[in-house]
């Protein structure tokens, strides 16, 4: 079987242009897909997933503007649970790989791996394998929160991200071009869905879910959402 018979469209999501270009080239060599798309922010990932219904694989960096570590993976799993996601990350802590496995990642590779190793991981995921994933272990405790994050709408996810960065409702309204009352409604609903009574409880849970603390969630969201 030719790989392009099985893999039509691939999305490469990484905020570093050189890394993104290298992964796109690797995907072309490994899978011969019909098309390879790219995203440099997590809002861009959500837009690409919505725009390209025939995606067969996502290569996802955990440290991207607009998401906190594993919360991005949780959101993707909620939106498209059937879509394979291969994590390609610089995170080195075993705990992160365990949590990614528990949240439903299809594979896990370090950016320090060779091009051949990453290409082999892509082919493995395309064939139904799970390269680089350890036993879920401690990551099991993240499953419930991940499932609840996956139930958020994309707009609620964006509001959640900005809450985690410490923004107030008025600031969130400015960043997302929404009214303050609309933001208040999103905050009330997302806290209800996630099962938290206060913002501080949400922030604490997201810190625990994040990759190596809060890496990837501290960049300016307004820059992430501009074309």
Protein backbone atom coordinates (compact mmCIF):
# COMPACT_ATOMS: atom_id res chain seq x y z
CA UNK A 1 0.00 0.00 0.00
CA UNK A 2 1.28 3.47 -0.88
CA UNK A 3 1.25 5.82 2.07
CA UNK A 4 -0.69 8.43 0.12
CA UNK A 5 -3.51 5.88 -0.22
CA UNK A 6 -3.93 6.02 3.58
CA UNK A 7 -2.86 9.57 4.49
CA UNK A 8 -4.48 12.41 2.63
CA UNK A 9 -3.90 15.59 4.65
CA UNK A 10 -1.37 16.31 7.40
CA UNK A 11 -1.22 19.32 9.75
CA UNK A 12 2.13 20.39 11.20
CA UNK A 13 1.70 22.65 14.26
CA UNK A 14 4.79 24.34 15.68
CA UNK A 15 5.57 27.98 16.43
CA UNK A 16 9.19 27.79 15.21
CA UNK A 17 9.39 28.29 11.41
CA UNK A 18 12.53 26.19 10.91
CA UNK A 19 11.15 23.29 12.93
CA UNK A 20 7.82 23.54 11.13
CA UNK A 21 9.50 23.53 7.72
CA UNK A 22 11.61 20.52 8.66
CA UNK A 23 8.61 18.56 9.92
CA UNK A 24 6.61 19.39 6.80
CA UNK A 25 9.44 18.07 4.63
CA UNK A 26 9.69 14.95 6.80
CA UNK A 27 5.94 14.34 6.43
CA UNK A 28 6.24 14.64 2.66
CA UNK A 29 9.05 12.08 2.58
CA UNK A 30 7.52 9.67 5.07
CA UNK A 31 3.87 9.67 4.03
CA UNK A 32 3.56 11.23 0.56
CA UNK A 33 0.29 12.91 1.58
CA UNK A 34 -2.02 14.80 -0.72
CA UNK A 35 -1.42 18.04 1.23
CA UNK A 36 0.53 19.29 4.23
CA UNK A 37 -0.86 22.28 6.13
CA UNK A 38 0.83 24.32 8.85
CA UNK A 39 -0.11 26.29 11.98
CA UNK A 40 2.11 28.43 14.21
CA UNK A 41 -0.37 29.07 17.04
CA UNK A 42 -2.99 26.94 18.73
CA UNK A 43 -5.84 29.15 17.47
CA UNK A 44 -4.38 28.41 14.04
CA UNK A 45 -4.57 24.70 14.83
CA UNK A 46 -8.26 25.01 15.68
CA UNK A 47 -8.90 26.95 12.46
CA UNK A 48 -7.05 24.34 10.39
CA UNK A 49 -8.91 21.44 11.98
CA UNK A 50 -12.19 23.18 11.24
CA UNK A 51 -11.20 24.04 7.65
CA UNK A 52 -9.77 20.66 6.67
CA UNK A 53 -12.23 17.90 7.47
CA UNK A 54 -10.07 15.21 5.83
CA UNK A 55 -7.02 15.60 8.07
CA UNK A 56 -5.47 12.20 8.80
CA UNK A 57 -2.64 13.24 11.10
CA UNK A 58 -1.60 16.19 13.28
CA UNK A 59 1.99 16.75 14.37
CA UNK A 60 1.60 18.88 17.50
CA UNK A 61 4.15 20.82 19.54
CA UNK A 62 3.02 21.23 23.14
CA UNK A 63 4.57 24.70 23.58
CA UNK A 64 2.50 26.94 21.31
CA UNK A 65 1.02 30.40 21.78
CA UNK A 66 -2.63 30.08 22.75
CA UNK A 67 -2.46 26.82 24.72
CA UNK A 68 -0.92 25.57 27.95
CA UNK A 69 0.96 22.36 27.33
CA UNK A 70 -1.35 19.38 27.29
CA UNK A 71 -4.55 21.43 27.32
CA UNK A 72 -4.16 21.82 23.55
CA UNK A 73 -4.02 18.06 23.09
CA UNK A 74 -7.09 17.70 25.32
CA UNK A 75 -9.00 20.21 23.20
CA UNK A 76 -8.06 18.44 19.96
CA UNK A 77 -9.12 15.08 21.37
CA UNK A 78 -12.48 16.57 22.30
CA UNK A 79 -13.06 18.15 18.90
CA UNK A 80 -11.82 15.26 16.76
CA UNK A 81 -11.35 12.12 18.87
CA UNK A 82 -10.75 10.01 15.76
CA UNK A 83 -7.87 12.21 14.51
CA UNK A 84 -4.38 10.80 15.29
CA UNK A 85 -2.08 13.28 17.05
CA UNK A 86 1.69 12.72 17.11
CA UNK A 87 3.35 14.89 19.75
CA UNK A 88 6.73 16.27 18.64
CA UNK A 89 8.10 18.24 21.57
CA UNK A 90 11.17 19.47 23.39
CA UNK A 91 9.74 18.38 26.75
CA UNK A 92 11.95 15.75 28.35
CA UNK A 93 10.11 14.85 31.55
CA UNK A 94 8.69 11.29 31.57
CA UNK A 95 5.60 12.66 33.35
CA UNK A 96 4.69 14.67 30.23
CA UNK A 97 4.84 11.61 27.99
CA UNK A 98 2.75 9.63 30.48
CA UNK A 99 0.12 12.34 30.59
CA UNK A 100 0.07 12.59 26.78
CA UNK A 101 -0.55 8.84 26.62
CA UNK A 102 -3.39 9.13 29.12
CA UNK A 103 -4.96 11.97 27.12
CA UNK A 104 -5.06 9.93 23.91
CA UNK A 105 -1.98 10.97 21.95
CA UNK A 106 -1.16 8.55 19.13
CA UNK A 107 2.60 8.94 19.50
CA UNK A 108 5.27 10.95 21.28
CA UNK A 109 8.65 12.02 19.90
CA UNK A 110 11.39 14.34 21.13
CA UNK A 111 12.53 17.12 18.81
CA UNK A 112 16.06 15.89 19.45
CA UNK A 113 15.25 12.66 17.57
CA UNK A 114 16.76 12.18 14.14
CA UNK A 115 14.78 12.91 10.99
CA UNK A 116 14.67 9.18 10.29
CA UNK A 117 13.24 8.43 13.73
CA UNK A 118 10.54 11.08 13.38
CA UNK A 119 9.63 9.84 9.90
CA UNK A 120 9.41 6.28 11.23
CA UNK A 121 7.11 7.53 14.01
CA UNK A 122 4.82 9.18 11.42
CA UNK A 123 4.59 5.94 9.44
CA UNK A 124 3.91 4.00 12.63
CA UNK A 125 1.04 6.29 13.65
CA UNK A 126 -0.38 6.13 10.10
CA UNK A 127 -0.36 2.35 10.39
CA UNK A 128 -2.10 2.39 13.77
CA UNK A 129 0.95 2.17 16.02
CA UNK A 130 1.77 4.20 19.13
CA UNK A 131 5.47 5.10 18.91
CA UNK A 132 7.20 6.57 21.94
CA UNK A 133 4.26 6.28 24.31
CA UNK A 134 4.91 4.86 27.78
CA UNK A 135 2.38 3.28 30.08
CA UNK A 136 -0.07 6.03 31.12
CA UNK A 137 0.96 5.64 34.77
CA UNK A 138 0.47 8.84 36.70
CA UNK A 139 -1.16 10.51 33.71
CA UNK A 140 -4.43 8.71 34.44
CA UNK A 141 -5.43 11.47 36.85
CA UNK A 142 -5.54 13.95 33.97
CA UNK A 143 -8.18 12.08 31.99
CA UNK A 144 -11.24 13.56 33.67
CA UNK A 145 -10.07 17.16 33.33
CA UNK A 146 -8.98 16.50 29.75
CA UNK A 147 -12.41 15.14 28.87
CA UNK A 148 -14.03 18.26 30.32
CA UNK A 149 -11.66 20.56 28.44
CA UNK A 150 -12.47 18.67 25.27
CA UNK A 151 -16.15 19.50 25.78
CA UNK A 152 -15.48 23.26 25.61
CA UNK A 153 -16.25 25.22 22.47
CA UNK A 154 -13.22 26.76 20.72
CA UNK A 155 -14.21 30.20 22.01
CA UNK A 156 -14.55 28.92 25.57
CA UNK A 157 -11.13 27.32 25.23
CA UNK A 158 -9.64 30.66 24.17
CA UNK A 159 -11.28 32.39 27.15
CA UNK A 160 -9.94 29.67 29.45
CA UNK A 161 -6.43 30.20 28.10
CA UNK A 162 -6.58 33.92 28.80
CA UNK A 163 -7.95 33.34 32.32
CA UNK A 164 -4.94 31.10 32.92
CA UNK A 165 -2.66 33.91 31.81
CA UNK A 166 -4.19 36.16 34.47
CA UNK A 167 -6.34 38.42 32.28
CA UNK A 168 -9.50 40.00 33.65
CA UNK A 169 -12.83 39.92 31.81
CA UNK A 170 -12.33 43.41 30.36
CA UNK A 171 -8.89 42.45 29.02
CA UNK A 172 -10.21 39.19 27.59
CA UNK A 173 -13.01 41.11 25.86
CA UNK A 174 -10.42 43.39 24.27
CA UNK A 175 -8.22 40.51 23.10
CA UNK A 176 -11.10 38.55 21.55
CA UNK A 177 -13.15 41.51 20.27
CA UNK A 178 -16.11 40.54 22.45
CA UNK A 179 -18.33 42.44 24.84
CA UNK A 180 -17.61 42.12 28.55
CA UNK A 181 -21.04 40.58 29.10
CA UNK A 182 -20.31 37.93 26.47
CA UNK A 183 -17.02 37.12 28.18
CA UNK A 184 -18.78 36.84 31.55
CA UNK A 185 -21.19 34.36 30.00
CA UNK A 186 -18.31 32.29 28.59
CA UNK A 187 -16.51 32.33 31.95
CA UNK A 188 -19.61 31.17 33.83
CA UNK A 189 -20.26 28.37 31.35
CA UNK A 190 -16.69 27.11 31.08
CA UNK A 191 -16.28 27.04 34.87
CA UNK A 192 -19.51 25.05 35.06
CA UNK A 193 -18.35 22.59 32.39
CA UNK A 194 -14.96 22.16 34.04
CA UNK A 195 -16.44 21.80 37.51
CA UNK A 196 -14.67 24.71 39.21
CA UNK A 197 -16.26 27.29 41.49
CA UNK A 198 -13.51 29.90 41.08
CA UNK A 199 -10.90 31.00 38.56
CA UNK A 200 -8.10 30.22 41.00
CA UNK A 201 -9.14 26.57 41.07
CA UNK A 202 -9.09 26.46 37.26
CA UNK A 203 -5.63 28.05 37.08
CA UNK A 204 -4.22 25.59 39.61
CA UNK A 205 -5.59 22.62 37.63
CA UNK A 206 -4.21 23.95 34.35
CA UNK A 207 -0.78 24.45 35.88
CA UNK A 208 -0.79 20.79 36.85
CA UNK A 209 -1.89 19.80 33.36
CA UNK A 210 0.66 22.03 31.65
CA UNK A 211 3.94 20.90 30.15
CA UNK A 212 6.88 21.68 32.48
CA UNK A 213 4.75 24.13 34.45
CA UNK A 214 3.23 26.85 32.30
CA UNK A 215 5.54 26.78 29.29
CA UNK A 216 3.77 27.61 26.06
CA UNK A 217 0.98 29.61 27.67
CA UNK A 218 2.83 32.79 28.51
CA UNK A 219 3.20 34.36 25.06
CA UNK A 220 1.06 37.32 24.05
CA UNK A 221 -2.29 35.95 22.91
CA UNK A 222 -3.04 39.01 20.85
CA UNK A 223 0.02 38.22 18.73
CA UNK A 224 -1.12 34.60 18.44
CA UNK A 225 -4.53 35.52 17.08
CA UNK A 226 -3.41 38.05 14.46
CA UNK A 227 -3.08 36.85 10.84
